[in-house]
Amino acid sequence: MLEFWSNWYETVVSVEVLAAIIVFVVVGTGIIMLAEGRRR
């Protein structure tokens, strides 16, 4: 049971990290697009 809990916890952490990276990339892209749009 302890091993299952550890694996589940690691999976949740990796999913959260992946989600954070995706959000960061999307937000960064949006900021860059806004900056590019304001330059023109």
N, C-alpha and C. Protein backbone atom coordinates (compact mmCIF):
# COMPACT_ATOMS: atom_id res chain seq x y z
N MET A 1 0.85 -1.21 0.00
CA MET A 1 0.00 0.00 0.00
C MET A 1 0.88 1.25 0.00
N LEU A 2 1.97 1.19 0.74
CA LEU A 2 2.84 2.36 0.81
C LEU A 2 3.45 2.66 -0.56
N GLU A 3 3.82 1.60 -1.27
CA GLU A 3 4.41 1.80 -2.60
C GLU A 3 3.38 2.42 -3.55
N PHE A 4 2.15 1.94 -3.48
CA PHE A 4 1.09 2.48 -4.33
C PHE A 4 0.91 3.97 -4.05
N TRP A 5 0.89 4.34 -2.76
CA TRP A 5 0.71 5.74 -2.38
C TRP A 5 1.85 6.58 -2.93
N SER A 6 3.09 6.05 -2.81
CA SER A 6 4.26 6.79 -3.29
C SER A 6 4.17 7.00 -4.80
N ASN A 7 3.83 5.95 -5.54
CA ASN A 7 3.72 6.08 -6.99
C ASN A 7 2.62 7.06 -7.37
N TRP A 8 1.47 6.98 -6.68
CA TRP A 8 0.36 7.89 -6.96
C TRP A 8 0.77 9.34 -6.70
N TYR A 9 1.48 9.55 -5.59
CA TYR A 9 1.92 10.90 -5.24
C TYR A 9 2.89 11.43 -6.30
N GLU A 10 3.82 10.58 -6.74
CA GLU A 10 4.78 11.02 -7.77
C GLU A 10 4.06 11.36 -9.06
N THR A 11 3.04 10.56 -9.40
CA THR A 11 2.28 10.83 -10.62
C THR A 11 1.57 12.17 -10.52
N VAL A 12 0.95 12.44 -9.37
CA VAL A 12 0.23 13.71 -9.18
C VAL A 12 1.21 14.87 -9.29
N VAL A 13 2.38 14.74 -8.68
CA VAL A 13 3.37 15.82 -8.71
C VAL A 13 3.82 16.08 -10.15
N SER A 14 4.09 15.00 -10.91
CA SER A 14 4.55 15.17 -12.28
C SER A 14 3.46 15.82 -13.12
N VAL A 15 2.21 15.44 -12.88
CA VAL A 15 1.09 16.04 -13.63
C VAL A 15 0.99 17.53 -13.29
N GLU A 16 1.14 17.87 -12.02
CA GLU A 16 1.07 19.28 -11.63
C GLU A 16 2.20 20.07 -12.26
N VAL A 17 3.40 19.48 -12.29
CA VAL A 17 4.55 20.16 -12.91
C VAL A 17 4.29 20.36 -14.40
N LEU A 18 3.76 19.35 -15.05
CA LEU A 18 3.46 19.44 -16.48
C LEU A 18 2.42 20.53 -16.72
N ALA A 19 1.37 20.57 -15.90
CA ALA A 19 0.33 21.59 -16.05
C ALA A 19 0.92 22.98 -15.83
N ALA A 20 1.80 23.12 -14.83
CA ALA A 20 2.41 24.42 -14.56
C ALA A 20 3.26 24.88 -15.74
N ILE A 21 3.99 23.94 -16.36
CA ILE A 21 4.82 24.29 -17.51
C ILE A 21 3.94 24.74 -18.68
N ILE A 22 2.85 24.01 -18.91
CA ILE A 22 1.94 24.36 -20.03
C ILE A 22 1.35 25.74 -19.79
N VAL A 23 0.87 26.00 -18.57
CA VAL A 23 0.30 27.31 -18.25
C VAL A 23 1.34 28.40 -18.44
N PHE A 24 2.58 28.14 -17.96
CA PHE A 24 3.65 29.13 -18.08
C PHE A 24 3.93 29.45 -19.55
N VAL A 25 3.98 28.41 -20.39
CA VAL A 25 4.26 28.61 -21.82
C VAL A 25 3.12 29.41 -22.47
N VAL A 26 1.88 29.04 -22.15
CA VAL A 26 0.72 29.74 -22.74
C VAL A 26 0.71 31.20 -22.32
N VAL A 27 0.92 31.46 -21.04
CA VAL A 27 0.93 32.85 -20.55
C VAL A 27 2.08 33.63 -21.19
N GLY A 28 3.26 32.99 -21.27
CA GLY A 28 4.42 33.65 -21.88
C GLY A 28 4.15 33.97 -23.33
N THR A 29 3.55 33.04 -24.05
CA THR A 29 3.23 33.28 -25.46
C THR A 29 2.24 34.43 -25.60
N GLY A 30 1.24 34.45 -24.73
CA GLY A 30 0.25 35.52 -24.78
C GLY A 30 0.89 36.87 -24.52
N ILE A 31 1.80 36.95 -23.56
CA ILE A 31 2.48 38.21 -23.25
C ILE A 31 3.32 38.66 -24.44
N ILE A 32 4.03 37.70 -25.06
CA ILE A 32 4.88 38.04 -26.21
C ILE A 32 4.01 38.55 -27.36
N MET A 33 2.88 37.88 -27.60
CA MET A 33 1.98 38.31 -28.69
C MET A 33 1.44 39.70 -28.41
N LEU A 34 1.10 39.97 -27.14
CA LEU A 34 0.59 41.31 -26.80
C LEU A 34 1.69 42.35 -27.02
N ALA A 35 2.90 42.04 -26.61
CA ALA A 35 4.02 42.97 -26.78
C ALA A 35 4.27 43.23 -28.27
N GLU A 36 4.24 42.16 -29.07
CA GLU A 36 4.44 42.32 -30.51
C GLU A 36 3.33 43.16 -31.12
N GLY A 37 2.09 42.93 -30.67
CA GLY A 37 0.94 43.69 -31.21
C GLY A 37 1.05 45.16 -30.85
N ARG A 38 1.56 45.47 -29.67
CA ARG A 38 1.66 46.89 -29.26
C ARG A 38 2.79 47.59 -30.01
N ARG A 39 3.81 46.85 -30.44
CA ARG A 39 4.93 47.47 -31.15
C ARG A 39 4.48 48.02 -32.49
N ARG A 40 3.52 47.30 -33.14
CA ARG A 40 3.13 47.72 -34.49
C ARG A 40 2.21 48.89 -34.50
